[in-house]
ModelCIF file with pLDDT and N, C-alpha, C, O atoms, coordinates in Angstrom:
data_MODEL
#
_entry.id   MODEL 
#
_entity.id                         1 
_entity.type                       polymer 
_entity.pdbx_number_of_molecules   1 
#
_entity_poly.entity_id                      1 
_entity_poly.type                           'polypeptide(L)' 
_entity_poly.nstd_linkage                   no 
_entity_poly.nstd_monomer                   no 
_entity_poly.pdbx_seq_one_letter_code       PPLEIPVTRTLIVAGAVASRDYQDVHHDAEAA 
_entity_poly.pdbx_seq_one_letter_code_can   PPLEIPVTRTLIVAGAVASRDYQDVHHDAEAA 
_entity_poly.pdbx_strand_id                 A 
#
loop_
_entity_poly_seq.entity_id 
_entity_poly_seq.num 
_entity_poly_seq.mon_id 
_entity_poly_seq.hetero 
1 1  PRO n 
1 2  PRO n 
1 3  LEU n 
1 4  GLU n 
1 5  ILE n 
1 6  PRO n 
1 7  VAL n 
1 8  THR n 
1 9  ARG n 
1 10 THR n 
1 11 LEU n 
1 12 ILE n 
1 13 VAL n 
1 14 ALA n 
1 15 GLY n 
1 16 ALA n 
1 17 VAL n 
1 18 ALA n 
1 19 SER n 
1 20 ARG n 
1 21 ASP n 
1 22 TYR n 
1 23 GLN n 
1 24 ASP n 
1 25 VAL n 
1 26 HIS n 
1 27 HIS n 
1 28 ASP n 
1 29 ALA n 
1 30 GLU n 
1 31 ALA n 
1 32 ALA n 
#
_struct_asym.id          A 
_struct_asym.entity_id   1 
#
loop_
_ma_qa_metric.id 
_ma_qa_metric.mode 
_ma_qa_metric.name 
_ma_qa_metric.software_group_id 
_ma_qa_metric.type 
1 global pLDDT . pLDDT 
2 local  pLDDT . pLDDT 
#
_ma_qa_metric_global.metric_id      1 
_ma_qa_metric_global.metric_value   97.03 
_ma_qa_metric_global.model_id       1 
_ma_qa_metric_global.ordinal_id     1 
#
loop_
_ma_qa_metric_local.label_asym_id 
_ma_qa_metric_local.label_comp_id 
_ma_qa_metric_local.label_seq_id 
_ma_qa_metric_local.metric_id 
_ma_qa_metric_local.metric_value 
_ma_qa_metric_local.model_id 
_ma_qa_metric_local.ordinal_id 
A PRO 1  2 98.00 1 1  
A PRO 2  2 98.00 1 2  
A LEU 3  2 98.00 1 3  
A GLU 4  2 98.00 1 4  
A ILE 5  2 98.00 1 5  
A PRO 6  2 98.00 1 6  
A VAL 7  2 98.00 1 7  
A THR 8  2 98.00 1 8  
A ARG 9  2 98.00 1 9  
A THR 10 2 98.00 1 10 
A LEU 11 2 98.00 1 11 
A ILE 12 2 98.00 1 12 
A VAL 13 2 98.00 1 13 
A ALA 14 2 97.00 1 14 
A GLY 15 2 97.00 1 15 
A ALA 16 2 97.00 1 16 
A VAL 17 2 97.00 1 17 
A ALA 18 2 96.00 1 18 
A SER 19 2 96.00 1 19 
A ARG 20 2 96.00 1 20 
A ASP 21 2 95.00 1 21 
A TYR 22 2 94.00 1 22 
A GLN 23 2 96.00 1 23 
A ASP 24 2 97.00 1 24 
A VAL 25 2 96.00 1 25 
A HIS 26 2 97.00 1 26 
A HIS 27 2 96.00 1 27 
A ASP 28 2 96.00 1 28 
A ALA 29 2 97.00 1 29 
A GLU 30 2 97.00 1 30 
A ALA 31 2 97.00 1 31 
A ALA 32 2 97.00 1 32 
#
loop_
_atom_site.group_PDB 
_atom_site.id 
_atom_site.type_symbol 
_atom_site.label_atom_id 
_atom_site.label_alt_id 
_atom_site.label_comp_id 
_atom_site.label_asym_id 
_atom_site.label_entity_id 
_atom_site.label_seq_id 
_atom_site.pdbx_PDB_ins_code 
_atom_site.Cartn_x 
_atom_site.Cartn_y 
_atom_site.Cartn_z 
_atom_site.occupancy 
_atom_site.B_iso_or_equiv 
_atom_site.pdbx_formal_charge 
_atom_site.auth_seq_id 
_atom_site.auth_comp_id 
_atom_site.auth_asym_id 
_atom_site.auth_atom_id 
_atom_site.pdbx_PDB_model_num 
ATOM 1   N N  . PRO A 1 1  ? 0.838  -1.197 0.000  1.00 98.00 ? 1  PRO A N  1 
ATOM 2   C CA . PRO A 1 1  ? 0.000  0.000  0.000  1.00 98.00 ? 1  PRO A CA 1 
ATOM 3   C C  . PRO A 1 1  ? 0.874  1.250  0.000  1.00 98.00 ? 1  PRO A C  1 
ATOM 4   O O  . PRO A 1 1  ? 1.943  1.246  0.611  1.00 98.00 ? 1  PRO A O  1 
ATOM 5   N N  . PRO A 1 2  ? 0.450  2.308  -0.664 1.00 98.00 ? 2  PRO A N  1 
ATOM 6   C CA . PRO A 1 2  ? 1.257  3.532  -0.682 1.00 98.00 ? 2  PRO A CA 1 
ATOM 7   C C  . PRO A 1 2  ? 1.359  4.153  0.710  1.00 98.00 ? 2  PRO A C  1 
ATOM 8   O O  . PRO A 1 2  ? 0.458  4.027  1.540  1.00 98.00 ? 2  PRO A O  1 
ATOM 9   N N  . LEU A 1 3  ? 2.479  4.821  0.932  1.00 98.00 ? 3  LEU A N  1 
ATOM 10  C CA . LEU A 1 3  ? 2.697  5.544  2.184  1.00 98.00 ? 3  LEU A CA 1 
ATOM 11  C C  . LEU A 1 3  ? 3.017  6.990  1.844  1.00 98.00 ? 3  LEU A C  1 
ATOM 12  O O  . LEU A 1 3  ? 4.008  7.275  1.171  1.00 98.00 ? 3  LEU A O  1 
ATOM 13  N N  . GLU A 1 4  ? 2.169  7.905  2.314  1.00 98.00 ? 4  GLU A N  1 
ATOM 14  C CA . GLU A 1 4  ? 2.401  9.328  2.090  1.00 98.00 ? 4  GLU A CA 1 
ATOM 15  C C  . GLU A 1 4  ? 3.176  9.900  3.266  1.00 98.00 ? 4  GLU A C  1 
ATOM 16  O O  . GLU A 1 4  ? 2.785  9.743  4.423  1.00 98.00 ? 4  GLU A O  1 
ATOM 17  N N  . ILE A 1 5  ? 4.281  10.566 2.951  1.00 98.00 ? 5  ILE A N  1 
ATOM 18  C CA . ILE A 1 5  ? 5.127  11.169 3.978  1.00 98.00 ? 5  ILE A CA 1 
ATOM 19  C C  . ILE A 1 5  ? 5.191  12.674 3.725  1.00 98.00 ? 5  ILE A C  1 
ATOM 20  O O  . ILE A 1 5  ? 5.767  13.110 2.729  1.00 98.00 ? 5  ILE A O  1 
ATOM 21  N N  . PRO A 1 6  ? 4.601  13.471 4.622  1.00 98.00 ? 6  PRO A N  1 
ATOM 22  C CA . PRO A 1 6  ? 4.732  14.920 4.478  1.00 98.00 ? 6  PRO A CA 1 
ATOM 23  C C  . PRO A 1 6  ? 6.204  15.318 4.661  1.00 98.00 ? 6  PRO A C  1 
ATOM 24  O O  . PRO A 1 6  ? 6.831  14.952 5.656  1.00 98.00 ? 6  PRO A O  1 
ATOM 25  N N  . VAL A 1 7  ? 6.738  16.052 3.714  1.00 98.00 ? 7  VAL A N  1 
ATOM 26  C CA . VAL A 1 7  ? 8.137  16.485 3.778  1.00 98.00 ? 7  VAL A CA 1 
ATOM 27  C C  . VAL A 1 7  ? 8.149  17.845 4.478  1.00 98.00 ? 7  VAL A C  1 
ATOM 28  O O  . VAL A 1 7  ? 7.827  18.872 3.882  1.00 98.00 ? 7  VAL A O  1 
ATOM 29  N N  . THR A 1 8  ? 8.522  17.824 5.737  1.00 98.00 ? 8  THR A N  1 
ATOM 30  C CA . THR A 1 8  ? 8.570  19.057 6.520  1.00 98.00 ? 8  THR A CA 1 
ATOM 31  C C  . THR A 1 8  ? 10.024 19.492 6.701  1.00 98.00 ? 8  THR A C  1 
ATOM 32  O O  . THR A 1 8  ? 10.950 18.695 6.557  1.00 98.00 ? 8  THR A O  1 
ATOM 33  N N  . ARG A 1 9  ? 10.196 20.742 7.012  1.00 98.00 ? 9  ARG A N  1 
ATOM 34  C CA . ARG A 1 9  ? 11.530 21.266 7.315  1.00 98.00 ? 9  ARG A CA 1 
ATOM 35  C C  . ARG A 1 9  ? 12.117 20.498 8.505  1.00 98.00 ? 9  ARG A C  1 
ATOM 36  O O  . ARG A 1 9  ? 13.305 20.175 8.517  1.00 98.00 ? 9  ARG A O  1 
ATOM 37  N N  . THR A 1 10 ? 11.283 20.212 9.494  1.00 98.00 ? 10 THR A N  1 
ATOM 38  C CA . THR A 1 10 ? 11.741 19.483 10.671 1.00 98.00 ? 10 THR A CA 1 
ATOM 39  C C  . THR A 1 10 ? 12.233 18.093 10.293 1.00 98.00 ? 10 THR A C  1 
ATOM 40  O O  . THR A 1 10 ? 13.282 17.665 10.775 1.00 98.00 ? 10 THR A O  1 
ATOM 41  N N  . LEU A 1 11 ? 11.500 17.377 9.440  1.00 98.00 ? 11 LEU A N  1 
ATOM 42  C CA . LEU A 1 11 ? 11.932 16.044 9.008  1.00 98.00 ? 11 LEU A CA 1 
ATOM 43  C C  . LEU A 1 11 ? 13.278 16.121 8.293  1.00 98.00 ? 11 LEU A C  1 
ATOM 44  O O  . LEU A 1 11 ? 14.159 15.295 8.532  1.00 98.00 ? 11 LEU A O  1 
ATOM 45  N N  . ILE A 1 12 ? 13.436 17.105 7.421  1.00 98.00 ? 12 ILE A N  1 
ATOM 46  C CA . ILE A 1 12 ? 14.681 17.243 6.666  1.00 98.00 ? 12 ILE A CA 1 
ATOM 47  C C  . ILE A 1 12 ? 15.856 17.515 7.604  1.00 98.00 ? 12 ILE A C  1 
ATOM 48  O O  . ILE A 1 12 ? 16.889 16.852 7.513  1.00 98.00 ? 12 ILE A O  1 
ATOM 49  N N  . VAL A 1 13 ? 15.700 18.486 8.501  1.00 98.00 ? 13 VAL A N  1 
ATOM 50  C CA . VAL A 1 13 ? 16.784 18.857 9.409  1.00 98.00 ? 13 VAL A CA 1 
ATOM 51  C C  . VAL A 1 13 ? 17.066 17.732 10.406 1.00 98.00 ? 13 VAL A C  1 
ATOM 52  O O  . VAL A 1 13 ? 18.225 17.395 10.649 1.00 98.00 ? 13 VAL A O  1 
ATOM 53  N N  . ALA A 1 14 ? 16.020 17.158 10.980 1.00 97.00 ? 14 ALA A N  1 
ATOM 54  C CA . ALA A 1 14 ? 16.211 16.087 11.955 1.00 97.00 ? 14 ALA A CA 1 
ATOM 55  C C  . ALA A 1 14 ? 16.885 14.871 11.317 1.00 97.00 ? 14 ALA A C  1 
ATOM 56  O O  . ALA A 1 14 ? 17.748 14.247 11.935 1.00 97.00 ? 14 ALA A O  1 
ATOM 57  N N  . GLY A 1 15 ? 16.499 14.533 10.093 1.00 97.00 ? 15 GLY A N  1 
ATOM 58  C CA . GLY A 1 15 ? 17.132 13.408 9.406  1.00 97.00 ? 15 GLY A CA 1 
ATOM 59  C C  . GLY A 1 15 ? 18.601 13.659 9.137  1.00 97.00 ? 15 GLY A C  1 
ATOM 60  O O  . GLY A 1 15 ? 19.423 12.753 9.273  1.00 97.00 ? 15 GLY A O  1 
ATOM 61  N N  . ALA A 1 16 ? 18.934 14.875 8.760  1.00 97.00 ? 16 ALA A N  1 
ATOM 62  C CA . ALA A 1 16 ? 20.341 15.221 8.513  1.00 97.00 ? 16 ALA A CA 1 
ATOM 63  C C  . ALA A 1 16 ? 21.148 15.153 9.804  1.00 97.00 ? 16 ALA A C  1 
ATOM 64  O O  . ALA A 1 16 ? 22.244 14.592 9.830  1.00 97.00 ? 16 ALA A O  1 
ATOM 65  N N  . VAL A 1 17 ? 20.609 15.720 10.865 1.00 97.00 ? 17 VAL A N  1 
ATOM 66  C CA . VAL A 1 17 ? 21.322 15.698 12.145 1.00 97.00 ? 17 VAL A CA 1 
ATOM 67  C C  . VAL A 1 17 ? 21.460 14.264 12.659 1.00 97.00 ? 17 VAL A C  1 
ATOM 68  O O  . VAL A 1 17 ? 22.532 13.870 13.118 1.00 97.00 ? 17 VAL A O  1 
ATOM 69  N N  . ALA A 1 18 ? 20.390 13.493 12.585 1.00 96.00 ? 18 ALA A N  1 
ATOM 70  C CA . ALA A 1 18 ? 20.432 12.110 13.082 1.00 96.00 ? 18 ALA A CA 1 
ATOM 71  C C  . ALA A 1 18 ? 21.458 11.264 12.337 1.00 96.00 ? 18 ALA A C  1 
ATOM 72  O O  . ALA A 1 18 ? 22.052 10.350 12.908 1.00 96.00 ? 18 ALA A O  1 
ATOM 73  N N  . SER A 1 19 ? 21.663 11.573 11.059 1.00 96.00 ? 19 SER A N  1 
ATOM 74  C CA . SER A 1 19 ? 22.631 10.800 10.265 1.00 96.00 ? 19 SER A CA 1 
ATOM 75  C C  . SER A 1 19 ? 23.996 11.501 10.205 1.00 96.00 ? 19 SER A C  1 
ATOM 76  O O  . SER A 1 19 ? 24.874 11.116 9.433  1.00 96.00 ? 19 SER A O  1 
ATOM 77  N N  . ARG A 1 20 ? 24.151 12.531 11.034 1.00 96.00 ? 20 ARG A N  1 
ATOM 78  C CA . ARG A 1 20 ? 25.412 13.283 11.142 1.00 96.00 ? 20 ARG A CA 1 
ATOM 79  C C  . ARG A 1 20 ? 25.864 13.886 9.814  1.00 96.00 ? 20 ARG A C  1 
ATOM 80  O O  . ARG A 1 20 ? 27.056 13.968 9.520  1.00 96.00 ? 20 ARG A O  1 
ATOM 81  N N  . ASP A 1 21 ? 24.884 14.303 9.026  1.00 95.00 ? 21 ASP A N  1 
ATOM 82  C CA . ASP A 1 21 ? 25.159 14.967 7.766  1.00 95.00 ? 21 ASP A CA 1 
ATOM 83  C C  . ASP A 1 21 ? 24.954 16.458 7.996  1.00 95.00 ? 21 ASP A C  1 
ATOM 84  O O  . ASP A 1 21 ? 23.830 16.954 7.933  1.00 95.00 ? 21 ASP A O  1 
ATOM 85  N N  . TYR A 1 22 ? 26.034 17.161 8.259  1.00 94.00 ? 22 TYR A N  1 
ATOM 86  C CA . TYR A 1 22 ? 25.942 18.565 8.634  1.00 94.00 ? 22 TYR A CA 1 
ATOM 87  C C  . TYR A 1 22 ? 26.132 19.515 7.449  1.00 94.00 ? 22 TYR A C  1 
ATOM 88  O O  . TYR A 1 22 ? 26.407 20.700 7.644  1.00 94.00 ? 22 TYR A O  1 
ATOM 89  N N  . GLN A 1 23 ? 25.988 19.003 6.223  1.00 96.00 ? 23 GLN A N  1 
ATOM 90  C CA . GLN A 1 23 ? 26.073 19.896 5.070  1.00 96.00 ? 23 GLN A CA 1 
ATOM 91  C C  . GLN A 1 23 ? 24.979 20.949 5.181  1.00 96.00 ? 23 GLN A C  1 
ATOM 92  O O  . GLN A 1 23 ? 23.821 20.636 5.455  1.00 96.00 ? 23 GLN A O  1 
ATOM 93  N N  . ASP A 1 24 ? 25.365 22.194 4.964  1.00 97.00 ? 24 ASP A N  1 
ATOM 94  C CA . ASP A 1 24 ? 24.435 23.300 5.192  1.00 97.00 ? 24 ASP A CA 1 
ATOM 95  C C  . ASP A 1 24 ? 23.184 23.251 4.321  1.00 97.00 ? 24 ASP A C  1 
ATOM 96  O O  . ASP A 1 24 ? 22.158 23.806 4.712  1.00 97.00 ? 24 ASP A O  1 
ATOM 97  N N  . VAL A 1 25 ? 23.229 22.612 3.167  1.00 96.00 ? 25 VAL A N  1 
ATOM 98  C CA . VAL A 1 25 ? 22.054 22.558 2.290  1.00 96.00 ? 25 VAL A CA 1 
ATOM 99  C C  . VAL A 1 25 ? 20.909 21.738 2.888  1.00 96.00 ? 25 VAL A C  1 
ATOM 100 O O  . VAL A 1 25 ? 19.797 21.746 2.361  1.00 96.00 ? 25 VAL A O  1 
ATOM 101 N N  . HIS A 1 26 ? 21.181 21.030 3.988  1.00 97.00 ? 26 HIS A N  1 
ATOM 102 C CA . HIS A 1 26 ? 20.147 20.225 4.640  1.00 97.00 ? 26 HIS A CA 1 
ATOM 103 C C  . HIS A 1 26 ? 19.568 20.896 5.886  1.00 97.00 ? 26 HIS A C  1 
ATOM 104 O O  . HIS A 1 26 ? 18.669 20.345 6.522  1.00 97.00 ? 26 HIS A O  1 
ATOM 105 N N  . HIS A 1 27 ? 20.083 22.102 6.246  1.00 96.00 ? 27 HIS A N  1 
ATOM 106 C CA . HIS A 1 27 ? 19.544 22.766 7.436  1.00 96.00 ? 27 HIS A CA 1 
ATOM 107 C C  . HIS A 1 27 ? 19.518 24.286 7.341  1.00 96.00 ? 27 HIS A C  1 
ATOM 108 O O  . HIS A 1 27 ? 18.878 24.932 8.171  1.00 96.00 ? 27 HIS A O  1 
ATOM 109 N N  . ASP A 1 28 ? 20.191 24.880 6.358  1.00 96.00 ? 28 ASP A N  1 
ATOM 110 C CA . ASP A 1 28 ? 20.291 26.327 6.261  1.00 96.00 ? 28 ASP A CA 1 
ATOM 111 C C  . ASP A 1 28 ? 19.722 26.777 4.907  1.00 96.00 ? 28 ASP A C  1 
ATOM 112 O O  . ASP A 1 28 ? 20.368 26.627 3.870  1.00 96.00 ? 28 ASP A O  1 
ATOM 113 N N  . ALA A 1 29 ? 18.505 27.331 4.938  1.00 97.00 ? 29 ALA A N  1 
ATOM 114 C CA . ALA A 1 29 ? 17.821 27.700 3.695  1.00 97.00 ? 29 ALA A CA 1 
ATOM 115 C C  . ALA A 1 29 ? 18.602 28.743 2.904  1.00 97.00 ? 29 ALA A C  1 
ATOM 116 O O  . ALA A 1 29 ? 18.666 28.666 1.677  1.00 97.00 ? 29 ALA A O  1 
ATOM 117 N N  . GLU A 1 30 ? 19.187 29.704 3.582  1.00 97.00 ? 30 GLU A N  1 
ATOM 118 C CA . GLU A 1 30 ? 19.958 30.743 2.888  1.00 97.00 ? 30 GLU A CA 1 
ATOM 119 C C  . GLU A 1 30 ? 21.178 30.136 2.185  1.00 97.00 ? 30 GLU A C  1 
ATOM 120 O O  . GLU A 1 30 ? 21.459 30.467 1.033  1.00 97.00 ? 30 GLU A O  1 
ATOM 121 N N  . ALA A 1 31 ? 21.888 29.263 2.867  1.00 97.00 ? 31 ALA A N  1 
ATOM 122 C CA . ALA A 1 31 ? 23.050 28.604 2.250  1.00 97.00 ? 31 ALA A CA 1 
ATOM 123 C C  . ALA A 1 31 ? 22.614 27.746 1.068  1.00 97.00 ? 31 ALA A C  1 
ATOM 124 O O  . ALA A 1 31 ? 23.303 27.692 0.049  1.00 97.00 ? 31 ALA A O  1 
ATOM 125 N N  . ALA A 1 32 ? 21.478 27.077 1.201  1.00 97.00 ? 32 ALA A N  1 
ATOM 126 C CA . ALA A 1 32 ? 20.967 26.261 0.090  1.00 97.00 ? 32 ALA A CA 1 
ATOM 127 C C  . ALA A 1 32 ? 20.665 27.139 -1.117 1.00 97.00 ? 32 ALA A C  1 
ATOM 128 O O  . ALA A 1 32 ? 20.226 26.636 -2.151 1.00 97.00 ? 32 ALA A O  1 
#
C-alpha cells in the first residue's frame, strides 16, 4: 500500500542531524 510522507523542514533537518550529515544545504535555507 502507498505511504504518504509529508516532507517538513523538521523532518529534513532532523534526518540530517540524526545521520550526522551537517552539510548546510540540509539545514540552512539561505546557504541552500
